[in-house]
Amino acid sequence: MVPEQGTMLLLLLLVVATAAVMGQRHERRPATTDEWNYRAGSEKVNMRGVSNLTQVLDNWRFDILTQMKTLLQNDHQSLLPDYAR
């Protein structure tokens, strides 16, 4: 009779554990499929600041590309690996 009580206790424990796991599966967080609304607040944007930032980034791009071009033309050994064996 003692093994039957152990089996019943084990079965009860298994049922409680299963119920706990199933309860947690129901409480999942909602999936965040919301996309960023880039139009919200667009009327508050300072266009002069955006223009200045765009100009700064464009100048940086031009300067970086010019420096890379100059290095590749004049001192390519400092940028490219040496394949001479």
PDB file of N, CA and C in Angstrom:
ATOM      1  N   MET A   1       0.810  -1.192   0.000  1.00  0.00           N
ATOM      2  CA  MET A   1       0.000   0.000   0.000  1.00  0.00           C
ATOM      3  C   MET A   1       0.863   1.270   0.000  1.00  0.00           C
ATOM      4  N   VAL A   2       2.027   1.174   0.568  1.00  0.00           N
ATOM      5  CA  VAL A   2       2.925   2.329   0.619  1.00  0.00           C
ATOM      6  C   VAL A   2       3.395   2.728  -0.770  1.00  0.00           C
ATOM      7  N   PRO A   3       3.718   1.787  -1.662  1.00  0.00           N
ATOM      8  CA  PRO A   3       4.112   2.215  -3.002  1.00  0.00           C
ATOM      9  C   PRO A   3       2.987   2.936  -3.740  1.00  0.00           C
ATOM     10  N   GLU A   4       1.748   2.593  -3.493  1.00  0.00           N
ATOM     11  CA  GLU A   4       0.631   3.275  -4.136  1.00  0.00           C
ATOM     12  C   GLU A   4       0.523   4.711  -3.655  1.00  0.00           C
ATOM     13  N   GLN A   5       0.796   4.961  -2.380  1.00  0.00           N
ATOM     14  CA  GLN A   5       0.754   6.338  -1.861  1.00  0.00           C
ATOM     15  C   GLN A   5       1.887   7.154  -2.476  1.00  0.00           C
ATOM     16  N   GLY A   6       3.039   6.552  -2.629  1.00  0.00           N
ATOM     17  CA  GLY A   6       4.163   7.246  -3.269  1.00  0.00           C
ATOM     18  C   GLY A   6       3.862   7.578  -4.715  1.00  0.00           C
ATOM     19  N   THR A   7       3.209   6.660  -5.405  1.00  0.00           N
ATOM     20  CA  THR A   7       2.821   6.890  -6.789  1.00  0.00           C
ATOM     21  C   THR A   7       1.790   8.005  -6.883  1.00  0.00           C
ATOM     22  N   MET A   8       0.842   7.995  -5.968  1.00  0.00           N
ATOM     23  CA  MET A   8      -0.181   9.044  -5.971  1.00  0.00           C
ATOM     24  C   MET A   8       0.435  10.405  -5.669  1.00  0.00           C
ATOM     25  N   LEU A   9       1.381  10.435  -4.717  1.00  0.00           N
ATOM     26  CA  LEU A   9       2.060  11.682  -4.375  1.00  0.00           C
ATOM     27  C   LEU A   9       2.865  12.186  -5.568  1.00  0.00           C
ATOM     28  N   LEU A  10       3.542  11.265  -6.248  1.00  0.00           N
ATOM     29  CA  LEU A  10       4.322  11.630  -7.432  1.00  0.00           C
ATOM     30  C   LEU A  10       3.406  12.142  -8.541  1.00  0.00           C
ATOM     31  N   LEU A  11       2.270  11.494  -8.732  1.00  0.00           N
ATOM     32  CA  LEU A  11       1.312  11.919  -9.739  1.00  0.00           C
ATOM     33  C   LEU A  11       0.743  13.296  -9.405  1.00  0.00           C
ATOM     34  N   LEU A  12       0.438  13.539  -8.130  1.00  0.00           N
ATOM     35  CA  LEU A  12      -0.061  14.844  -7.698  1.00  0.00           C
ATOM     36  C   LEU A  12       0.988  15.931  -7.931  1.00  0.00           C
ATOM     37  N   LEU A  13       2.227  15.630  -7.613  1.00  0.00           N
ATOM     38  CA  LEU A  13       3.322  16.583  -7.830  1.00  0.00           C
ATOM     39  C   LEU A  13       3.484  16.885  -9.315  1.00  0.00           C
ATOM     40  N   LEU A  14       3.373  15.864 -10.136  1.00  0.00           N
ATOM     41  CA  LEU A  14       3.483  16.043 -11.579  1.00  0.00           C
ATOM     42  C   LEU A  14       2.345  16.909 -12.121  1.00  0.00           C
ATOM     43  N   VAL A  15       1.137  16.714 -11.622  1.00  0.00           N
ATOM     44  CA  VAL A  15      -0.002  17.515 -12.057  1.00  0.00           C
ATOM     45  C   VAL A  15       0.175  18.973 -11.646  1.00  0.00           C
ATOM     46  N   VAL A  16       0.649  19.206 -10.426  1.00  0.00           N
ATOM     47  CA  VAL A  16       0.866  20.578  -9.943  1.00  0.00           C
ATOM     48  C   VAL A  16       1.962  21.259 -10.773  1.00  0.00           C
ATOM     49  N   ALA A  17       3.030  20.536 -11.062  1.00  0.00           N
ATOM     50  CA  ALA A  17       4.117  21.114 -11.861  1.00  0.00           C
ATOM     51  C   ALA A  17       3.639  21.443 -13.270  1.00  0.00           C
ATOM     52  N   THR A  18       2.843  20.543 -13.858  1.00  0.00           N
ATOM     53  CA  THR A  18       2.314  20.789 -15.207  1.00  0.00           C
ATOM     54  C   THR A  18       1.392  22.002 -15.214  1.00  0.00           C
ATOM     55  N   ALA A  19       0.554  22.123 -14.202  1.00  0.00           N
ATOM     56  CA  ALA A  19      -0.355  23.269 -14.123  1.00  0.00           C
ATOM     57  C   ALA A  19       0.431  24.575 -13.982  1.00  0.00           C
ATOM     58  N   ALA A  20       1.511  24.534 -13.196  1.00  0.00           N
ATOM     59  CA  ALA A  20       2.328  25.748 -13.024  1.00  0.00           C
ATOM     60  C   ALA A  20       2.981  26.151 -14.339  1.00  0.00           C
ATOM     61  N   VAL A  21       3.498  25.180 -15.068  1.00  0.00           N
ATOM     62  CA  VAL A  21       4.141  25.491 -16.349  1.00  0.00           C
ATOM     63  C   VAL A  21       3.121  26.007 -17.350  1.00  0.00           C
ATOM     64  N   MET A  22       1.973  25.387 -17.411  1.00  0.00           N
ATOM     65  CA  MET A  22       0.941  25.840 -18.342  1.00  0.00           C
ATOM     66  C   MET A  22       0.440  27.240 -17.971  1.00  0.00           C
ATOM     67  N   GLY A  23       0.384  27.541 -16.691  1.00  0.00           N
ATOM     68  CA  GLY A  23      -0.021  28.876 -16.256  1.00  0.00           C
ATOM     69  C   GLY A  23       0.990  29.930 -16.686  1.00  0.00           C
ATOM     70  N   GLN A  24       2.251  29.599 -16.648  1.00  0.00           N
ATOM     71  CA  GLN A  24       3.286  30.541 -17.069  1.00  0.00           C
ATOM     72  C   GLN A  24       3.257  30.740 -18.573  1.00  0.00           C
ATOM     73  N   ARG A  25       2.930  29.719 -19.309  1.00  0.00           N
ATOM     74  CA  ARG A  25       2.884  29.840 -20.760  1.00  0.00           C
ATOM     75  C   ARG A  25       1.758  30.765 -21.189  1.00  0.00           C
ATOM     76  N   HIS A  26       0.692  30.835 -20.407  1.00  0.00           N
ATOM     77  CA  HIS A  26      -0.417  31.723 -20.730  1.00  0.00           C
ATOM     78  C   HIS A  26      -0.077  33.184 -20.476  1.00  0.00           C
ATOM     79  N   GLU A  27       0.873  33.455 -19.606  1.00  0.00           N
ATOM     80  CA  GLU A  27       1.200  34.828 -19.228  1.00  0.00           C
ATOM     81  C   GLU A  27       2.336  35.388 -20.052  1.00  0.00           C
ATOM     82  N   ARG A  28       2.470  34.957 -21.273  1.00  0.00           N
ATOM     83  CA  ARG A  28       3.532  35.488 -22.122  1.00  0.00           C
ATOM     84  C   ARG A  28       3.308  36.964 -22.392  1.00  0.00           C
ATOM     85  N   ARG A  29       4.401  37.640 -22.592  1.00  0.00           N
ATOM     86  CA  ARG A  29       4.300  39.057 -22.935  1.00  0.00           C
ATOM     87  C   ARG A  29       3.777  39.181 -24.358  1.00  0.00           C
ATOM     88  N   PRO A  30       3.013  40.204 -24.621  1.00  0.00           N
ATOM     89  CA  PRO A  30       2.523  40.369 -25.997  1.00  0.00           C
ATOM     90  C   PRO A  30       3.689  40.677 -26.939  1.00  0.00           C
ATOM     91  N   ALA A  31       3.609  40.143 -28.116  1.00  0.00           N
ATOM     92  CA  ALA A  31       4.671  40.370 -29.103  1.00  0.00           C
ATOM     93  C   ALA A  31       4.674  41.837 -29.505  1.00  0.00           C
ATOM     94  N   THR A  32       5.858  42.420 -29.546  1.00  0.00           N
ATOM     95  CA  THR A  32       5.972  43.826 -29.919  1.00  0.00           C
ATOM     96  C   THR A  32       6.177  43.902 -31.423  1.00  0.00           C
ATOM     97  N   THR A  33       5.093  44.030 -32.130  1.00  0.00           N
ATOM     98  CA  THR A  33       5.161  44.167 -33.584  1.00  0.00           C
ATOM     99  C   THR A  33       4.947  45.606 -34.003  1.00  0.00           C
ATOM    100  N   ASP A  34       4.857  46.492 -33.017  1.00  0.00           N
ATOM    101  CA  ASP A  34       4.652  47.894 -33.342  1.00  0.00           C
ATOM    102  C   ASP A  34       5.920  48.450 -33.983  1.00  0.00           C
ATOM    103  N   GLU A  35       5.740  49.119 -35.087  1.00  0.00           N
ATOM    104  CA  GLU A  35       6.860  49.763 -35.742  1.00  0.00           C
ATOM    105  C   GLU A  35       6.941  51.207 -35.286  1.00  0.00           C
ATOM    106  N   TRP A  36       8.137  51.755 -35.400  1.00  0.00           N
ATOM    107  CA  TRP A  36       8.352  53.130 -34.999  1.00  0.00           C
ATOM    108  C   TRP A  36       7.592  54.049 -35.952  1.00  0.00           C
ATOM    109  N   ASN A  37       6.798  54.944 -35.385  1.00  0.00           N
ATOM    110  CA  ASN A  37       6.038  55.892 -36.189  1.00  0.00           C
ATOM    111  C   ASN A  37       6.893  57.135 -36.385  1.00  0.00           C
ATOM    112  N   TYR A  38       7.542  57.218 -37.530  1.00  0.00           N
ATOM    113  CA  TYR A  38       8.444  58.343 -37.783  1.00  0.00           C
ATOM    114  C   TYR A  38       7.697  59.636 -38.073  1.00  0.00           C
ATOM    115  N   ARG A  39       6.402  59.547 -38.307  1.00  0.00           N
ATOM    116  CA  ARG A  39       5.632  60.763 -38.573  1.00  0.00           C
ATOM    117  C   ARG A  39       5.204  61.470 -37.298  1.00  0.00           C
ATOM    118  N   ALA A  40       5.174  60.748 -36.188  1.00  0.00           N
ATOM    119  CA  ALA A  40       4.740  61.351 -34.922  1.00  0.00           C
ATOM    120  C   ALA A  40       5.776  62.371 -34.470  1.00  0.00           C
ATOM    121  N   GLY A  41       5.375  63.590 -34.285  1.00  0.00           N
ATOM    122  CA  GLY A  41       6.276  64.645 -33.824  1.00  0.00           C
ATOM    123  C   GLY A  41       7.099  65.279 -34.924  1.00  0.00           C
ATOM    124  N   SER A  42       6.828  64.940 -36.168  1.00  0.00           N
ATOM    125  CA  SER A  42       7.642  65.484 -37.264  1.00  0.00           C
ATOM    126  C   SER A  42       7.439  66.990 -37.437  1.00  0.00           C
ATOM    127  N   GLU A  43       6.314  67.488 -36.963  1.00  0.00           N
ATOM    128  CA  GLU A  43       6.083  68.926 -37.090  1.00  0.00           C
ATOM    129  C   GLU A  43       6.942  69.734 -36.122  1.00  0.00           C
ATOM    130  N   LYS A  44       7.530  69.068 -35.132  1.00  0.00           N
ATOM    131  CA  LYS A  44       8.358  69.769 -34.146  1.00  0.00           C
ATOM    132  C   LYS A  44       9.840  69.772 -34.514  1.00  0.00           C
ATOM    133  N   VAL A  45      10.209  69.162 -35.627  1.00  0.00           N
ATOM    134  CA  VAL A  45      11.616  69.033 -36.002  1.00  0.00           C
ATOM    135  C   VAL A  45      12.143  70.366 -36.507  1.00  0.00           C
ATOM    136  N   ASN A  46      13.325  70.724 -36.014  1.00  0.00           N
ATOM    137  CA  ASN A  46      13.987  71.944 -36.461  1.00  0.00           C
ATOM    138  C   ASN A  46      14.720  71.625 -37.762  1.00  0.00           C
ATOM    139  N   MET A  47      14.177  72.071 -38.883  1.00  0.00           N
ATOM    140  CA  MET A  47      14.752  71.737 -40.185  1.00  0.00           C
ATOM    141  C   MET A  47      16.130  72.368 -40.381  1.00  0.00           C
ATOM    142  N   ARG A  48      16.378  73.485 -39.730  1.00  0.00           N
ATOM    143  CA  ARG A  48      17.704  74.101 -39.857  1.00  0.00           C
ATOM    144  C   ARG A  48      18.761  73.212 -39.203  1.00  0.00           C
ATOM    145  N   GLY A  49      18.396  72.623 -38.054  1.00  0.00           N
ATOM    146  CA  GLY A  49      19.320  71.711 -37.382  1.00  0.00           C
ATOM    147  C   GLY A  49      19.560  70.448 -38.201  1.00  0.00           C
ATOM    148  N   VAL A  50      18.529  69.943 -38.849  1.00  0.00           N
ATOM    149  CA  VAL A  50      18.670  68.759 -39.697  1.00  0.00           C
ATOM    150  C   VAL A  50      19.563  69.080 -40.889  1.00  0.00           C
ATOM    151  N   SER A  51      19.371  70.242 -41.469  1.00  0.00           N
ATOM    152  CA  SER A  51      20.181  70.648 -42.608  1.00  0.00           C
ATOM    153  C   SER A  51      21.654  70.785 -42.198  1.00  0.00           C
ATOM    154  N   ASN A  52      21.892  71.382 -41.024  1.00  0.00           N
ATOM    155  CA  ASN A  52      23.270  71.535 -40.555  1.00  0.00           C
ATOM    156  C   ASN A  52      23.916  70.180 -40.293  1.00  0.00           C
ATOM    157  N   LEU A  53      23.185  69.273 -39.694  1.00  0.00           N
ATOM    158  CA  LEU A  53      23.714  67.944 -39.423  1.00  0.00           C
ATOM    159  C   LEU A  53      24.016  67.213 -40.729  1.00  0.00           C
ATOM    160  N   THR A  54      23.129  67.332 -41.691  1.00  0.00           N
ATOM    161  CA  THR A  54      23.345  66.694 -42.987  1.00  0.00           C
ATOM    162  C   THR A  54      24.590  67.249 -43.652  1.00  0.00           C
ATOM    163  N   GLN A  55      24.787  68.534 -43.559  1.00  0.00           N
ATOM    164  CA  GLN A  55      25.971  69.160 -44.160  1.00  0.00           C
ATOM    165  C   GLN A  55      27.245  68.693 -43.465  1.00  0.00           C
ATOM    166  N   VAL A  56      27.224  68.600 -42.148  1.00  0.00           N
ATOM    167  CA  VAL A  56      28.397  68.131 -41.397  1.00  0.00           C
ATOM    168  C   VAL A  56      28.737  66.695 -41.782  1.00  0.00           C
ATOM    169  N   LEU A  57      27.738  65.827 -41.832  1.00  0.00           N
ATOM    170  CA  LEU A  57      27.982  64.428 -42.191  1.00  0.00           C
ATOM    171  C   LEU A  57      28.482  64.299 -43.627  1.00  0.00           C
ATOM    172  N   ASP A  58      27.958  65.107 -44.511  1.00  0.00           N
ATOM    173  CA  ASP A  58      28.418  65.079 -45.899  1.00  0.00           C
ATOM    174  C   ASP A  58      29.862  65.543 -46.000  1.00  0.00           C
ATOM    175  N   ASN A  59      30.226  66.555 -45.239  1.00  0.00           N
ATOM    176  CA  ASN A  59      31.621  67.026 -45.225  1.00  0.00           C
ATOM    177  C   ASN A  59      32.557  65.958 -44.667  1.00  0.00           C
ATOM    178  N   TRP A  60      32.145  65.289 -43.604  1.00  0.00           N
ATOM    179  CA  TRP A  60      32.968  64.212 -43.032  1.00  0.00           C
ATOM    180  C   TRP A  60      33.175  63.103 -44.054  1.00  0.00           C
ATOM    181  N   ARG A  61      32.079  62.716 -44.734  1.00  0.00           N
ATOM    182  CA  ARG A  61      32.187  61.653 -45.743  1.00  0.00           C
ATOM    183  C   ARG A  61      33.180  62.044 -46.831  1.00  0.00           C
ATOM    184  N   PHE A  62      33.079  63.283 -47.309  1.00  0.00           N
ATOM    185  CA  PHE A  62      33.989  63.748 -48.356  1.00  0.00           C
ATOM    186  C   PHE A  62      35.432  63.737 -47.866  1.00  0.00           C
ATOM    187  N   ASP A  63      35.671  64.223 -46.639  1.00  0.00           N
ATOM    188  CA  ASP A  63      37.032  64.255 -46.094  1.00  0.00           C
ATOM    189  C   ASP A  63      37.604  62.853 -45.911  1.00  0.00           C
ATOM    190  N   ILE A  64      36.793  61.935 -45.412  1.00  0.00           N
ATOM    191  CA  ILE A  64      37.275  60.564 -45.186  1.00  0.00           C
ATOM    192  C   ILE A  64      37.607  59.893 -46.514  1.00  0.00           C
ATOM    193  N   LEU A  65      36.729  60.037 -47.498  1.00  0.00           N
ATOM    194  CA  LEU A  65      36.995  59.422 -48.801  1.00  0.00           C
ATOM    195  C   LEU A  65      38.206  60.039 -49.479  1.00  0.00           C
ATOM    196  N   THR A  66      38.386  61.346 -49.330  1.00  0.00           N
ATOM    197  CA  THR A  66      39.556  62.008 -49.915  1.00  0.00           C
ATOM    198  C   THR A  66      40.840  61.506 -49.260  1.00  0.00           C
ATOM    199  N   GLN A  67      40.841  61.369 -47.937  1.00  0.00           N
ATOM    200  CA  GLN A  67      42.038  60.866 -47.245  1.00  0.00           C
ATOM    201  C   GLN A  67      42.343  59.425 -47.642  1.00  0.00           C
ATOM    202  N   MET A  68      41.321  58.585 -47.747  1.00  0.00           N
ATOM    203  CA  MET A  68      41.540  57.192 -48.153  1.00  0.00           C
ATOM    204  C   MET A  68      42.078  57.128 -49.585  1.00  0.00           C
ATOM    205  N   LYS A  69      41.542  57.949 -50.480  1.00  0.00           N
ATOM    206  CA  LYS A  69      42.013  57.968 -51.863  1.00  0.00           C
ATOM    207  C   LYS A  69      43.478  58.401 -51.921  1.00  0.00           C
ATOM    208  N   THR A  70      43.805  59.435 -51.152  1.00  0.00           N
ATOM    209  CA  THR A  70      45.188  59.918 -51.134  1.00  0.00           C
ATOM    210  C   THR A  70      46.127  58.857 -50.582  1.00  0.00           C
ATOM    211  N   LEU A  71      45.734  58.189 -49.509  1.00  0.00           N
ATOM    212  CA  LEU A  71      46.575  57.130 -48.950  1.00  0.00           C
ATOM    213  C   LEU A  71      46.742  55.968 -49.924  1.00  0.00           C
ATOM    214  N   LEU A  72      45.678  55.584 -50.578  1.00  0.00           N
ATOM    215  CA  LEU A  72      45.782  54.479 -51.532  1.00  0.00           C
ATOM    216  C   LEU A  72      46.662  54.828 -52.721  1.00  0.00           C
ATOM    217  N   GLN A  73      46.645  56.079 -53.148  1.00  0.00           N
ATOM    218  CA  GLN A  73      47.461  56.485 -54.291  1.00  0.00           C
ATOM    219  C   GLN A  73      48.917  56.680 -53.905  1.00  0.00           C
ATOM    220  N   ASN A  74      49.177  57.232 -52.721  1.00  0.00           N
ATOM    221  CA  ASN A  74      50.552  57.624 -52.367  1.00  0.00           C
ATOM    222  C   ASN A  74      51.245  56.676 -51.408  1.00  0.00           C
ATOM    223  N   ASP A  75      50.507  56.057 -50.498  1.00  0.00           N
ATOM    224  CA  ASP A  75      51.134  55.211 -49.474  1.00  0.00           C
ATOM    225  C   ASP A  75      50.308  53.947 -49.273  1.00  0.00           C
ATOM    226  N   HIS A  76      50.130  53.192 -50.361  1.00  0.00           N
ATOM    227  CA  HIS A  76      49.264  52.021 -50.297  1.00  0.00           C
ATOM    228  C   HIS A  76      49.837  50.917 -49.413  1.00  0.00           C
ATOM    229  N   GLN A  77      51.131  50.913 -49.168  1.00  0.00           N
ATOM    230  CA  GLN A  77      51.726  49.867 -48.310  1.00  0.00           C
ATOM    231  C   GLN A  77      51.281  49.979 -46.865  1.00  0.00           C
ATOM    232  N   SER A  78      50.882  51.163 -46.430  1.00  0.00           N
ATOM    233  CA  SER A  78      50.401  51.315 -45.049  1.00  0.00           C
ATOM    234  C   SER A  78      48.976  50.792 -44.888  1.00  0.00           C
ATOM    235  N   LEU A  79      48.215  50.679 -45.984  1.00  0.00           N
ATOM    236  CA  LEU A  79      46.829  50.223 -45.901  1.00  0.00           C
ATOM    237  C   LEU A  79      46.661  48.765 -46.319  1.00  0.00           C
ATOM    238  N   LEU A  80      47.371  48.367 -47.368  1.00  0.00           N
ATOM    239  CA  LEU A  80      47.200  47.036 -47.914  1.00  0.00           C
ATOM    240  C   LEU A  80      48.279  46.099 -47.394  1.00  0.00           C
ATOM    241  N   PRO A  81      47.976  44.820 -47.251  1.00  0.00           N
ATOM    242  CA  PRO A  81      48.992  43.885 -46.771  1.00  0.00           C
ATOM    243  C   PRO A  81      50.079  43.662 -47.839  1.00  0.00           C
ATOM    244  N   ASP A  82      51.242  43.285 -47.360  1.00  0.00           N
ATOM    245  CA  ASP A  82      52.373  43.040 -48.246  1.00  0.00           C
ATOM    246  C   ASP A  82      52.310  41.586 -48.720  1.00  0.00           C
ATOM    247  N   TYR A  83      52.145  41.400 -50.026  1.00  0.00           N
ATOM    248  CA  TYR A  83      52.051  40.062 -50.580  1.00  0.00           C
ATOM    249  C   TYR A  83      53.370  39.567 -51.154  1.00  0.00           C
ATOM    250  N   ALA A  84      54.408  40.347 -51.051  1.00  0.00           N
ATOM    251  CA  ALA A  84      55.719  39.932 -51.585  1.00  0.00           C
ATOM    252  C   ALA A  84      56.281  38.817 -50.707  1.00  0.00           C
ATOM    253  N   ARG A  85      56.731  37.741 -51.377  1.00  0.00           N
ATOM    254  CA  ARG A  85      57.300  36.617 -50.613  1.00  0.00           C
ATOM    255  C   ARG A  85      58.680  36.322 -51.090  1.00  0.00           C
TER     256      ARG A  85
END
